[in-house]
Amino acid sequence: MMRKLLAGFLALALPWIILTAAPASAQLLGTMSTAAVEEVGAQKVGGYVGITGDFVALTGQFRLGVASSLDMGAKAAYVDFNSPGGSSLALNADLKIQILDIYLQDPIDLSLGPDVTYFRASDVTNWYFGGYILVSREYALSSGKPLSPYARLGLRLHRVEFAGTSTDDFDIGFAGGVEYGLSGYTSIFGEIVIEDTGTGFYAGAQYQLP
């Protein structure tokens, strides 16, 4: 009963949250993951490119299934900012805890968890500490291939450190995309990120290690 009540609440609340949320500063590394967690011991690697009005990012991702409703991920990206921003290495880590599961007769997959991101550019250090909520739903196409639209909403504390001083601000960010399964091991992603400084597009592929 509680799972059904939670699913009903989220179905009503999420569209309003997404439509009224103020977009965030750059979500450097995108999402490139649905709300479904990886199976225990399963490992996935992926790579993708992100293009926005401010930078181009080349990103690698690794995900590991830890428990029946828990996985963890890590990303590393080379980010090339528009002049005079230069380039930077960005790092991210997150945990994903699955709350709703379509295989347990829930209407959607829903996960949430914490994440942290670090990057440094032009002598300015940026930290993002926060959490997110991620929803998705897998559909079987007539070809038998799976198609999974997803959406992510995140709330983060953004800390900027420069010349011995620091400032803090809160960001709310939204991303939406789709995963298409090519085979039992390989899938491709397309994603859009909408933010206050513009729009970013991300695309890439993911492979499950045998």
N, C-alpha and C. Protein backbone atom coordinates (compact mmCIF):
# COMPACT_ATOMS: atom_id res chain seq x y z
N MET A 1 0.82 -1.21 0.00
CA MET A 1 0.00 0.00 0.00
C MET A 1 0.85 1.26 0.00
N MET A 2 1.91 1.29 0.83
CA MET A 2 2.77 2.46 0.90
C MET A 2 3.46 2.70 -0.44
N ARG A 3 3.87 1.62 -1.12
CA ARG A 3 4.52 1.78 -2.42
C ARG A 3 3.55 2.40 -3.42
N LYS A 4 2.28 1.99 -3.41
CA LYS A 4 1.30 2.55 -4.32
C LYS A 4 1.02 4.01 -4.01
N LEU A 5 0.95 4.35 -2.71
CA LEU A 5 0.73 5.74 -2.34
C LEU A 5 1.90 6.62 -2.77
N LEU A 6 3.12 6.11 -2.58
CA LEU A 6 4.30 6.86 -2.99
C LEU A 6 4.32 7.05 -4.50
N ALA A 7 3.99 5.99 -5.23
CA ALA A 7 3.97 6.08 -6.69
C ALA A 7 2.93 7.09 -7.16
N GLY A 8 1.75 7.08 -6.52
CA GLY A 8 0.72 8.04 -6.89
C GLY A 8 1.12 9.47 -6.61
N PHE A 9 1.74 9.69 -5.45
CA PHE A 9 2.20 11.04 -5.10
C PHE A 9 3.24 11.54 -6.10
N LEU A 10 4.18 10.69 -6.43
CA LEU A 10 5.24 11.10 -7.35
C LEU A 10 4.70 11.36 -8.75
N ALA A 11 3.75 10.56 -9.17
CA ALA A 11 3.16 10.76 -10.49
C ALA A 11 2.50 12.12 -10.59
N LEU A 12 1.92 12.61 -9.47
CA LEU A 12 1.29 13.92 -9.45
C LEU A 12 2.30 15.05 -9.23
N ALA A 13 3.30 14.80 -8.39
CA ALA A 13 4.20 15.87 -7.98
C ALA A 13 5.34 16.11 -8.95
N LEU A 14 5.88 15.07 -9.56
CA LEU A 14 7.08 15.25 -10.39
C LEU A 14 6.87 16.18 -11.58
N PRO A 15 5.77 16.07 -12.32
CA PRO A 15 5.63 17.02 -13.44
C PRO A 15 5.62 18.47 -12.97
N TRP A 16 4.97 18.75 -11.84
CA TRP A 16 4.95 20.13 -11.33
C TRP A 16 6.34 20.57 -10.91
N ILE A 17 7.09 19.69 -10.24
CA ILE A 17 8.44 20.04 -9.80
C ILE A 17 9.32 20.35 -11.01
N ILE A 18 9.24 19.49 -12.03
CA ILE A 18 10.10 19.66 -13.20
C ILE A 18 9.76 20.95 -13.94
N LEU A 19 8.49 21.27 -14.06
CA LEU A 19 8.09 22.44 -14.82
C LEU A 19 8.37 23.74 -14.08
N THR A 20 8.39 23.72 -12.75
CA THR A 20 8.56 24.95 -12.00
C THR A 20 9.96 25.13 -11.46
N ALA A 21 10.82 24.11 -11.56
CA ALA A 21 12.16 24.24 -11.02
C ALA A 21 13.00 25.20 -11.84
N ALA A 22 13.79 26.04 -11.15
CA ALA A 22 14.74 26.91 -11.84
C ALA A 22 15.92 26.08 -12.28
N PRO A 23 16.30 26.08 -13.55
CA PRO A 23 17.40 25.26 -14.01
C PRO A 23 18.71 25.62 -13.34
N ALA A 24 19.64 24.69 -13.38
CA ALA A 24 20.88 24.84 -12.64
C ALA A 24 21.99 25.37 -13.51
N SER A 25 23.12 25.65 -12.85
CA SER A 25 24.34 25.87 -13.58
C SER A 25 24.74 24.56 -14.24
N ALA A 26 25.79 24.61 -15.05
CA ALA A 26 26.14 23.49 -15.92
C ALA A 26 26.22 22.16 -15.20
N GLN A 27 25.46 21.17 -15.67
CA GLN A 27 25.59 19.80 -15.20
C GLN A 27 26.66 19.15 -16.07
N LEU A 28 27.90 19.28 -15.63
CA LEU A 28 29.04 18.99 -16.48
C LEU A 28 29.04 17.59 -17.06
N LEU A 29 28.58 16.61 -16.29
CA LEU A 29 28.79 15.23 -16.69
C LEU A 29 27.52 14.52 -17.12
N GLY A 30 26.41 15.21 -17.20
CA GLY A 30 25.18 14.58 -17.63
C GLY A 30 24.72 13.50 -16.66
N THR A 31 23.77 12.66 -17.11
CA THR A 31 23.23 11.58 -16.29
C THR A 31 23.62 10.23 -16.87
N MET A 32 23.18 9.94 -18.08
CA MET A 32 23.51 8.72 -18.80
C MET A 32 23.25 7.46 -17.97
N SER A 33 22.09 7.44 -17.32
CA SER A 33 21.70 6.28 -16.52
C SER A 33 20.21 6.35 -16.28
N THR A 34 19.55 5.20 -16.29
CA THR A 34 18.14 5.16 -15.94
C THR A 34 18.00 4.94 -14.43
N ALA A 35 16.77 4.89 -13.95
CA ALA A 35 16.53 4.71 -12.52
C ALA A 35 16.73 3.26 -12.07
N ALA A 36 16.80 2.32 -12.98
CA ALA A 36 17.01 0.91 -12.62
C ALA A 36 18.46 0.69 -12.20
N VAL A 37 18.66 0.06 -11.06
CA VAL A 37 20.02 -0.20 -10.59
C VAL A 37 20.58 -1.43 -11.29
N GLU A 38 21.91 -1.53 -11.28
CA GLU A 38 22.57 -2.69 -11.87
C GLU A 38 22.43 -3.90 -10.94
N GLU A 39 22.42 -5.09 -11.51
CA GLU A 39 22.37 -6.31 -10.71
C GLU A 39 23.63 -6.42 -9.86
N VAL A 40 23.51 -7.15 -8.76
CA VAL A 40 24.64 -7.29 -7.84
C VAL A 40 25.84 -7.87 -8.58
N GLY A 41 26.96 -7.16 -8.51
CA GLY A 41 28.18 -7.60 -9.17
C GLY A 41 28.31 -7.19 -10.62
N ALA A 42 27.23 -6.72 -11.24
CA ALA A 42 27.29 -6.31 -12.64
C ALA A 42 28.11 -5.03 -12.77
N GLN A 43 28.88 -4.94 -13.85
CA GLN A 43 29.73 -3.78 -14.10
C GLN A 43 29.45 -3.24 -15.50
N LYS A 44 29.29 -1.93 -15.60
CA LYS A 44 29.07 -1.28 -16.89
C LYS A 44 30.08 -0.16 -17.07
N VAL A 45 30.57 -0.03 -18.29
CA VAL A 45 31.45 1.07 -18.65
C VAL A 45 30.81 1.81 -19.82
N GLY A 46 31.06 3.12 -19.88
CA GLY A 46 30.47 3.90 -20.95
C GLY A 46 31.31 5.11 -21.28
N GLY A 47 31.04 5.68 -22.43
CA GLY A 47 31.71 6.89 -22.84
C GLY A 47 30.76 7.74 -23.66
N TYR A 48 30.86 9.05 -23.51
CA TYR A 48 29.97 9.92 -24.26
C TYR A 48 30.55 11.32 -24.35
N VAL A 49 29.94 12.13 -25.22
CA VAL A 49 30.36 13.51 -25.43
C VAL A 49 29.20 14.43 -25.11
N GLY A 50 29.50 15.56 -24.48
CA GLY A 50 28.52 16.58 -24.17
C GLY A 50 28.91 17.90 -24.80
N ILE A 51 27.95 18.57 -25.41
CA ILE A 51 28.20 19.85 -26.08
C ILE A 51 27.20 20.88 -25.57
N THR A 52 27.70 21.99 -25.03
CA THR A 52 26.86 23.09 -24.59
C THR A 52 27.43 24.39 -25.17
N GLY A 53 26.78 25.51 -24.85
CA GLY A 53 27.29 26.78 -25.30
C GLY A 53 28.54 27.22 -24.57
N ASP A 54 28.89 26.53 -23.46
CA ASP A 54 30.03 26.93 -22.64
C ASP A 54 31.23 25.99 -22.75
N PHE A 55 31.01 24.73 -23.13
CA PHE A 55 32.10 23.77 -23.12
C PHE A 55 31.75 22.53 -23.94
N VAL A 56 32.79 21.73 -24.18
CA VAL A 56 32.65 20.38 -24.73
C VAL A 56 33.26 19.42 -23.71
N ALA A 57 32.55 18.35 -23.38
CA ALA A 57 33.03 17.39 -22.37
C ALA A 57 33.10 15.99 -22.97
N LEU A 58 34.24 15.33 -22.75
CA LEU A 58 34.42 13.92 -23.11
C LEU A 58 34.47 13.12 -21.82
N THR A 59 33.51 12.23 -21.61
CA THR A 59 33.30 11.61 -20.31
C THR A 59 33.34 10.10 -20.38
N GLY A 60 33.94 9.48 -19.37
CA GLY A 60 33.89 8.04 -19.17
C GLY A 60 33.15 7.74 -17.88
N GLN A 61 32.41 6.64 -17.87
CA GLN A 61 31.60 6.28 -16.69
C GLN A 61 31.78 4.79 -16.35
N PHE A 62 31.73 4.51 -15.06
CA PHE A 62 31.76 3.13 -14.57
C PHE A 62 30.67 2.97 -13.53
N ARG A 63 29.87 1.89 -13.64
CA ARG A 63 28.83 1.62 -12.65
C ARG A 63 28.97 0.18 -12.17
N LEU A 64 28.67 -0.02 -10.87
CA LEU A 64 28.80 -1.33 -10.24
C LEU A 64 27.58 -1.60 -9.38
N GLY A 65 26.95 -2.77 -9.58
CA GLY A 65 25.84 -3.18 -8.73
C GLY A 65 26.35 -3.66 -7.39
N VAL A 66 25.85 -3.06 -6.30
CA VAL A 66 26.34 -3.35 -4.96
C VAL A 66 25.38 -4.24 -4.19
N ALA A 67 24.09 -3.96 -4.29
CA ALA A 67 23.07 -4.73 -3.57
C ALA A 67 21.82 -4.77 -4.45
N SER A 68 20.77 -5.44 -3.95
CA SER A 68 19.58 -5.64 -4.77
C SER A 68 18.92 -4.33 -5.18
N SER A 69 19.06 -3.28 -4.39
CA SER A 69 18.45 -1.99 -4.72
C SER A 69 19.47 -0.86 -4.66
N LEU A 70 20.73 -1.18 -4.87
CA LEU A 70 21.78 -0.17 -4.73
C LEU A 70 22.90 -0.41 -5.74
N ASP A 71 23.28 0.65 -6.44
CA ASP A 71 24.51 0.61 -7.22
C ASP A 71 25.26 1.92 -7.02
N MET A 72 26.48 1.97 -7.56
CA MET A 72 27.32 3.15 -7.41
C MET A 72 28.00 3.44 -8.73
N GLY A 73 28.33 4.72 -8.93
CA GLY A 73 28.94 5.10 -10.19
C GLY A 73 30.05 6.11 -10.00
N ALA A 74 30.93 6.18 -10.98
CA ALA A 74 32.01 7.16 -11.00
C ALA A 74 32.18 7.65 -12.43
N LYS A 75 32.45 8.96 -12.59
CA LYS A 75 32.67 9.55 -13.89
C LYS A 75 33.94 10.40 -13.85
N ALA A 76 34.61 10.45 -14.98
CA ALA A 76 35.75 11.35 -15.16
C ALA A 76 35.61 11.96 -16.54
N ALA A 77 35.86 13.27 -16.64
CA ALA A 77 35.64 13.95 -17.91
C ALA A 77 36.74 14.97 -18.17
N TYR A 78 37.11 15.08 -19.43
CA TYR A 78 37.95 16.18 -19.89
C TYR A 78 36.99 17.24 -20.41
N VAL A 79 37.02 18.44 -19.80
CA VAL A 79 36.09 19.51 -20.14
C VAL A 79 36.88 20.66 -20.74
N ASP A 80 36.52 21.04 -21.95
CA ASP A 80 37.17 22.14 -22.66
C ASP A 80 36.21 23.32 -22.70
N PHE A 81 36.49 24.32 -21.86
CA PHE A 81 35.64 25.50 -21.77
C PHE A 81 35.96 26.49 -22.89
N ASN A 82 34.96 27.31 -23.23
CA ASN A 82 35.21 28.40 -24.16
C ASN A 82 36.23 29.37 -23.57
N SER A 83 37.00 30.02 -24.43
CA SER A 83 38.00 31.00 -23.99
C SER A 83 37.33 32.08 -23.15
N PRO A 84 37.94 32.48 -22.01
CA PRO A 84 39.26 32.11 -21.52
C PRO A 84 39.22 31.01 -20.45
N GLY A 85 38.21 30.18 -20.47
CA GLY A 85 38.04 29.21 -19.39
C GLY A 85 39.08 28.11 -19.36
N GLY A 86 39.70 27.80 -20.51
CA GLY A 86 40.69 26.73 -20.53
C GLY A 86 40.03 25.37 -20.44
N SER A 87 40.78 24.38 -19.96
CA SER A 87 40.28 23.01 -19.84
C SER A 87 40.43 22.52 -18.41
N SER A 88 39.72 21.43 -18.09
CA SER A 88 39.73 20.93 -16.73
C SER A 88 39.39 19.44 -16.73
N LEU A 89 39.84 18.76 -15.68
CA LEU A 89 39.40 17.40 -15.40
C LEU A 89 38.30 17.47 -14.36
N ALA A 90 37.15 16.90 -14.66
CA ALA A 90 36.02 16.87 -13.74
C ALA A 90 35.80 15.45 -13.24
N LEU A 91 35.52 15.31 -11.95
CA LEU A 91 35.30 14.01 -11.33
C LEU A 91 33.95 14.00 -10.63
N ASN A 92 33.29 12.83 -10.66
CA ASN A 92 31.97 12.70 -10.03
C ASN A 92 31.82 11.30 -9.45
N ALA A 93 31.10 11.21 -8.33
CA ALA A 93 30.74 9.91 -7.74
C ALA A 93 29.31 10.00 -7.23
N ASP A 94 28.57 8.89 -7.32
CA ASP A 94 27.19 8.89 -6.85
C ASP A 94 26.78 7.51 -6.37
N LEU A 95 25.76 7.49 -5.54
CA LEU A 95 25.06 6.27 -5.15
C LEU A 95 23.65 6.35 -5.68
N LYS A 96 23.10 5.21 -6.11
CA LYS A 96 21.73 5.16 -6.62
C LYS A 96 20.95 4.10 -5.85
N ILE A 97 19.90 4.55 -5.17
CA ILE A 97 19.06 3.67 -4.35
C ILE A 97 17.69 3.58 -5.00
N GLN A 98 17.30 2.38 -5.42
CA GLN A 98 16.03 2.22 -6.13
C GLN A 98 14.89 2.04 -5.15
N ILE A 99 13.87 2.90 -5.29
CA ILE A 99 12.71 2.88 -4.40
C ILE A 99 11.51 2.20 -5.05
N LEU A 100 11.27 2.48 -6.32
CA LEU A 100 10.18 1.86 -7.07
C LEU A 100 10.76 1.04 -8.22
N ASP A 101 10.09 -0.07 -8.56
CA ASP A 101 10.62 -1.00 -9.55
C ASP A 101 9.46 -1.56 -10.37
N ILE A 102 9.51 -1.39 -11.70
CA ILE A 102 8.41 -1.87 -12.54
C ILE A 102 8.28 -3.38 -12.46
N TYR A 103 9.37 -4.09 -12.15
CA TYR A 103 9.30 -5.54 -12.03
C TYR A 103 8.64 -5.99 -10.74
N LEU A 104 8.38 -5.04 -9.84
CA LEU A 104 7.61 -5.30 -8.62
C LEU A 104 6.21 -4.69 -8.73
N GLN A 105 5.77 -4.49 -9.98
CA GLN A 105 4.44 -3.97 -10.31
C GLN A 105 4.26 -2.50 -9.98
N ASP A 106 5.34 -1.76 -9.80
CA ASP A 106 5.24 -0.31 -9.65
C ASP A 106 5.09 0.31 -11.04
N PRO A 107 4.46 1.50 -11.14
CA PRO A 107 4.23 2.09 -12.47
C PRO A 107 5.49 2.62 -13.13
N ILE A 108 6.51 2.93 -12.35
CA ILE A 108 7.76 3.47 -12.88
C ILE A 108 8.91 2.93 -12.04
N ASP A 109 10.12 3.06 -12.60
CA ASP A 109 11.33 2.90 -11.80
C ASP A 109 11.67 4.27 -11.21
N LEU A 110 12.01 4.29 -9.94
CA LEU A 110 12.37 5.54 -9.28
C LEU A 110 13.54 5.29 -8.34
N SER A 111 14.56 6.13 -8.47
CA SER A 111 15.73 6.04 -7.60
C SER A 111 16.10 7.41 -7.08
N LEU A 112 16.86 7.42 -6.01
CA LEU A 112 17.40 8.66 -5.49
C LEU A 112 18.73 8.36 -4.84
N GLY A 113 19.49 9.42 -4.55
CA GLY A 113 20.78 9.21 -3.92
C GLY A 113 21.62 10.47 -3.88
N PRO A 114 22.77 10.39 -3.23
CA PRO A 114 23.69 11.52 -3.17
C PRO A 114 24.69 11.50 -4.31
N ASP A 115 25.24 12.68 -4.64
CA ASP A 115 26.36 12.72 -5.56
C ASP A 115 27.26 13.91 -5.25
N VAL A 116 28.49 13.83 -5.70
CA VAL A 116 29.47 14.89 -5.51
C VAL A 116 30.27 15.06 -6.79
N THR A 117 30.54 16.30 -7.17
CA THR A 117 31.30 16.61 -8.37
C THR A 117 32.38 17.63 -8.03
N TYR A 118 33.55 17.45 -8.66
CA TYR A 118 34.67 18.38 -8.47
C TYR A 118 35.27 18.75 -9.82
N PHE A 119 35.55 20.02 -10.02
CA PHE A 119 36.39 20.42 -11.15
C PHE A 119 37.03 21.77 -10.83
N ARG A 120 38.13 22.03 -11.52
CA ARG A 120 38.89 23.26 -11.32
C ARG A 120 39.22 23.85 -12.69
N ALA A 121 38.94 25.14 -12.86
CA ALA A 121 39.20 25.81 -14.12
C ALA A 121 39.57 27.27 -13.84
N SER A 122 40.61 27.76 -14.51
CA SER A 122 41.06 29.15 -14.37
C SER A 122 41.28 29.53 -12.92
N ASP A 123 41.95 28.65 -12.16
CA ASP A 123 42.28 28.87 -10.75
C ASP A 123 41.05 28.95 -9.84
N VAL A 124 39.90 28.52 -10.34
CA VAL A 124 38.68 28.50 -9.55
C VAL A 124 38.29 27.04 -9.31
N THR A 125 38.13 26.67 -8.03
CA THR A 125 37.75 25.31 -7.67
C THR A 125 36.24 25.26 -7.44
N ASN A 126 35.58 24.28 -8.04
CA ASN A 126 34.13 24.11 -7.92
C ASN A 126 33.82 22.76 -7.29
N TRP A 127 32.99 22.78 -6.27
CA TRP A 127 32.47 21.56 -5.65
C TRP A 127 30.94 21.59 -5.73
N TYR A 128 30.36 20.43 -6.04
CA TYR A 128 28.91 20.27 -6.01
C TYR A 128 28.58 19.11 -5.06
N PHE A 129 27.82 19.41 -4.00
CA PHE A 129 27.38 18.38 -3.07
C PHE A 129 25.85 18.38 -3.09
N GLY A 130 25.25 17.20 -3.29
CA GLY A 130 23.80 17.21 -3.31
C GLY A 130 23.20 15.84 -3.50
N GLY A 131 21.97 15.85 -3.94
CA GLY A 131 21.24 14.62 -4.18
C GLY A 131 20.33 14.78 -5.38
N TYR A 132 19.72 13.70 -5.79
CA TYR A 132 18.91 13.72 -7.00
C TYR A 132 17.79 12.70 -6.88
N ILE A 133 16.79 12.89 -7.74
CA ILE A 133 15.73 11.90 -7.92
C ILE A 133 15.67 11.59 -9.41
N LEU A 134 15.57 10.31 -9.74
CA LEU A 134 15.65 9.84 -11.12
C LEU A 134 14.50 8.89 -11.40
N VAL A 135 13.75 9.16 -12.46
CA VAL A 135 12.62 8.30 -12.83
C VAL A 135 12.82 7.80 -14.26
N SER A 136 12.34 6.59 -14.52
CA SER A 136 12.42 6.03 -15.87
C SER A 136 11.37 4.95 -16.03
N ARG A 137 11.19 4.53 -17.26
CA ARG A 137 10.26 3.44 -17.57
C ARG A 137 10.77 2.73 -18.82
N GLU A 138 10.90 1.41 -18.74
CA GLU A 138 11.36 0.63 -19.89
C GLU A 138 10.17 0.15 -20.70
N TYR A 139 10.27 0.32 -22.03
CA TYR A 139 9.25 -0.15 -22.96
C TYR A 139 9.90 -1.12 -23.95
N ALA A 140 9.17 -2.15 -24.32
CA ALA A 140 9.64 -3.09 -25.33
C ALA A 140 9.09 -2.67 -26.69
N LEU A 141 9.96 -2.39 -27.65
CA LEU A 141 9.53 -2.04 -28.99
C LEU A 141 9.09 -3.28 -29.75
N SER A 142 8.48 -3.07 -30.91
CA SER A 142 8.01 -4.21 -31.70
C SER A 142 9.17 -5.11 -32.14
N SER A 143 10.36 -4.53 -32.24
CA SER A 143 11.55 -5.30 -32.60
C SER A 143 12.08 -6.13 -31.43
N GLY A 144 11.52 -5.89 -30.24
CA GLY A 144 12.00 -6.56 -29.05
C GLY A 144 13.08 -5.79 -28.31
N LYS A 145 13.57 -4.70 -28.90
CA LYS A 145 14.60 -3.89 -28.27
C LYS A 145 13.98 -3.02 -27.16
N PRO A 146 14.69 -2.83 -26.05
CA PRO A 146 14.16 -1.99 -24.98
C PRO A 146 14.45 -0.51 -25.21
N LEU A 147 13.49 0.33 -24.87
CA LEU A 147 13.63 1.78 -24.95
C LEU A 147 13.21 2.36 -23.60
N SER A 148 14.09 3.15 -22.98
CA SER A 148 13.85 3.64 -21.62
C SER A 148 14.02 5.15 -21.53
N PRO A 149 12.92 5.91 -21.59
CA PRO A 149 13.01 7.34 -21.31
C PRO A 149 13.28 7.56 -19.82
N TYR A 150 14.03 8.62 -19.49
CA TYR A 150 14.32 8.92 -18.09
C TYR A 150 14.40 10.43 -17.88
N ALA A 151 14.23 10.84 -16.62
CA ALA A 151 14.34 12.25 -16.25
C ALA A 151 14.96 12.32 -14.86
N ARG A 152 15.80 13.33 -14.67
CA ARG A 152 16.50 13.50 -13.40
C ARG A 152 16.37 14.94 -12.91
N LEU A 153 16.09 15.08 -11.63
CA LEU A 153 16.02 16.38 -10.97
C LEU A 153 17.00 16.36 -9.81
N GLY A 154 17.90 17.34 -9.75
CA GLY A 154 18.90 17.36 -8.70
C GLY A 154 18.92 18.68 -7.95
N LEU A 155 19.22 18.61 -6.66
CA LEU A 155 19.41 19.78 -5.81
C LEU A 155 20.80 19.68 -5.20
N ARG A 156 21.63 20.73 -5.41
CA ARG A 156 23.02 20.65 -4.98
C ARG A 156 23.48 21.97 -4.38
N LEU A 157 24.40 21.85 -3.43
CA LEU A 157 25.15 23.00 -2.93
C LEU A 157 26.37 23.19 -3.82
N HIS A 158 26.50 24.37 -4.41
CA HIS A 158 27.64 24.68 -5.28
C HIS A 158 28.60 25.59 -4.53
N ARG A 159 29.79 25.09 -4.27
CA ARG A 159 30.82 25.87 -3.56
C ARG A 159 31.91 26.27 -4.55
N VAL A 160 32.20 27.56 -4.59
CA VAL A 160 33.25 28.11 -5.44
C VAL A 160 34.36 28.64 -4.55
N GLU A 161 35.59 28.17 -4.79
CA GLU A 161 36.75 28.59 -4.01
C GLU A 161 37.75 29.28 -4.91
N PHE A 162 38.14 30.51 -4.51
CA PHE A 162 39.09 31.28 -5.32
C PHE A 162 39.87 32.24 -4.43
N ALA A 163 41.20 32.21 -4.54
CA ALA A 163 42.09 33.15 -3.84
C ALA A 163 41.82 33.17 -2.34
N GLY A 164 41.62 32.01 -1.76
CA GLY A 164 41.43 31.92 -0.32
C GLY A 164 40.04 32.26 0.18
N THR A 165 39.11 32.55 -0.71
CA THR A 165 37.74 32.83 -0.32
C THR A 165 36.81 31.80 -0.94
N SER A 166 35.60 31.69 -0.43
CA SER A 166 34.63 30.75 -0.98
C SER A 166 33.23 31.34 -0.90
N THR A 167 32.39 30.95 -1.84
CA THR A 167 30.98 31.32 -1.84
C THR A 167 30.15 30.07 -2.08
N ASP A 168 28.95 30.05 -1.52
CA ASP A 168 28.05 28.91 -1.64
C ASP A 168 26.73 29.34 -2.26
N ASP A 169 26.16 28.46 -3.05
CA ASP A 169 24.86 28.72 -3.67
C ASP A 169 24.18 27.38 -3.89
N PHE A 170 22.85 27.41 -3.98
CA PHE A 170 22.10 26.19 -4.26
C PHE A 170 21.67 26.16 -5.72
N ASP A 171 21.79 25.00 -6.33
CA ASP A 171 21.39 24.79 -7.73
C ASP A 171 20.29 23.74 -7.80
N ILE A 172 19.34 23.96 -8.70
CA ILE A 172 18.35 22.95 -9.04
C ILE A 172 18.51 22.68 -10.53
N GLY A 173 18.70 21.43 -10.92
CA GLY A 173 18.95 21.12 -12.32
C GLY A 173 18.08 19.99 -12.84
N PHE A 174 17.81 20.02 -14.15
CA PHE A 174 16.98 19.01 -14.79
C PHE A 174 17.66 18.46 -16.03
N ALA A 175 17.55 17.16 -16.22
CA ALA A 175 18.03 16.51 -17.44
C ALA A 175 17.04 15.42 -17.83
N GLY A 176 16.90 15.21 -19.12
CA GLY A 176 16.03 14.15 -19.62
C GLY A 176 16.65 13.47 -20.81
N GLY A 177 16.42 12.17 -20.95
CA GLY A 177 17.03 11.46 -22.06
C GLY A 177 16.37 10.13 -22.31
N VAL A 178 17.02 9.33 -23.13
CA VAL A 178 16.49 8.01 -23.48
C VAL A 178 17.65 7.05 -23.69
N GLU A 179 17.47 5.81 -23.25
CA GLU A 179 18.41 4.72 -23.48
C GLU A 179 17.78 3.72 -24.44
N TYR A 180 18.54 3.31 -25.45
CA TYR A 180 18.06 2.33 -26.42
C TYR A 180 19.00 1.14 -26.41
N GLY A 181 18.46 -0.05 -26.15
CA GLY A 181 19.28 -1.25 -26.08
C GLY A 181 19.56 -1.82 -27.46
N LEU A 182 20.84 -1.92 -27.79
CA LEU A 182 21.23 -2.52 -29.07
C LEU A 182 21.35 -4.03 -28.97
N SER A 183 21.80 -4.51 -27.79
CA SER A 183 21.95 -5.94 -27.55
C SER A 183 21.83 -6.15 -26.05
N GLY A 184 22.06 -7.38 -25.61
CA GLY A 184 22.00 -7.66 -24.18
C GLY A 184 23.09 -6.97 -23.39
N TYR A 185 24.15 -6.52 -24.08
CA TYR A 185 25.28 -5.91 -23.38
C TYR A 185 25.51 -4.45 -23.72
N THR A 186 24.99 -3.98 -24.83
CA THR A 186 25.32 -2.63 -25.31
C THR A 186 24.06 -1.79 -25.48
N SER A 187 24.15 -0.53 -25.09
CA SER A 187 23.06 0.41 -25.29
C SER A 187 23.63 1.77 -25.64
N ILE A 188 22.80 2.62 -26.24
CA ILE A 188 23.19 3.98 -26.57
C ILE A 188 22.26 4.96 -25.86
N PHE A 189 22.78 6.16 -25.62
CA PHE A 189 22.04 7.18 -24.89
C PHE A 189 21.98 8.47 -25.70
N GLY A 190 20.90 9.21 -25.50
CA GLY A 190 20.80 10.59 -25.94
C GLY A 190 20.16 11.38 -24.82
N GLU A 191 20.68 12.57 -24.56
CA GLU A 191 20.21 13.33 -23.39
C GLU A 191 20.26 14.83 -23.66
N ILE A 192 19.32 15.55 -23.07
CA ILE A 192 19.32 17.01 -23.13
C ILE A 192 19.34 17.56 -21.71
N VAL A 193 20.15 18.58 -21.50
CA VAL A 193 20.23 19.27 -20.22
C VAL A 193 19.82 20.72 -20.45
N ILE A 194 18.85 21.20 -19.68
CA ILE A 194 18.38 22.57 -19.79
C ILE A 194 18.83 23.32 -18.56
N GLU A 195 19.53 24.45 -18.75
CA GLU A 195 20.06 25.21 -17.64
C GLU A 195 19.89 26.70 -17.89
N ASP A 196 20.20 27.50 -16.87
CA ASP A 196 19.96 28.93 -16.99
C ASP A 196 20.86 29.59 -18.03
N THR A 197 22.01 28.98 -18.34
CA THR A 197 22.92 29.56 -19.32
C THR A 197 22.72 29.00 -20.72
N GLY A 198 21.81 28.07 -20.90
CA GLY A 198 21.58 27.51 -22.21
C GLY A 198 21.20 26.04 -22.14
N THR A 199 21.40 25.35 -23.25
CA THR A 199 21.00 23.95 -23.39
C THR A 199 22.20 23.12 -23.81
N GLY A 200 22.30 21.92 -23.24
CA GLY A 200 23.38 21.02 -23.59
C GLY A 200 22.84 19.71 -24.13
N PHE A 201 23.61 19.09 -25.02
CA PHE A 201 23.23 17.82 -25.62
C PHE A 201 24.33 16.80 -25.37
N TYR A 202 23.92 15.59 -25.00
CA TYR A 202 24.86 14.53 -24.66
C TYR A 202 24.48 13.27 -25.43
N ALA A 203 25.48 12.51 -25.85
CA ALA A 203 25.23 11.24 -26.54
C ALA A 203 26.40 10.32 -26.29
N GLY A 204 26.12 9.01 -26.23
CA GLY A 204 27.18 8.06 -25.99
C GLY A 204 26.68 6.64 -25.95
N ALA A 205 27.55 5.73 -25.52
CA ALA A 205 27.23 4.31 -25.47
C ALA A 205 27.70 3.71 -24.16
N GLN A 206 27.08 2.59 -23.80
CA GLN A 206 27.40 1.90 -22.56
C GLN A 206 27.48 0.40 -22.82
N TYR A 207 28.41 -0.25 -22.14
CA TYR A 207 28.63 -1.68 -22.36
C TYR A 207 28.72 -2.39 -21.02
N GLN A 208 27.96 -3.49 -20.88
CA GLN A 208 28.02 -4.30 -19.65
C GLN A 208 29.12 -5.34 -19.81
N LEU A 209 30.06 -5.33 -18.87
CA LEU A 209 31.16 -6.28 -18.91
C LEU A 209 30.63 -7.68 -18.66
N PRO A 210 31.09 -8.68 -19.42
CA PRO A 210 30.60 -10.06 -19.23
C PRO A 210 31.13 -10.67 -17.96
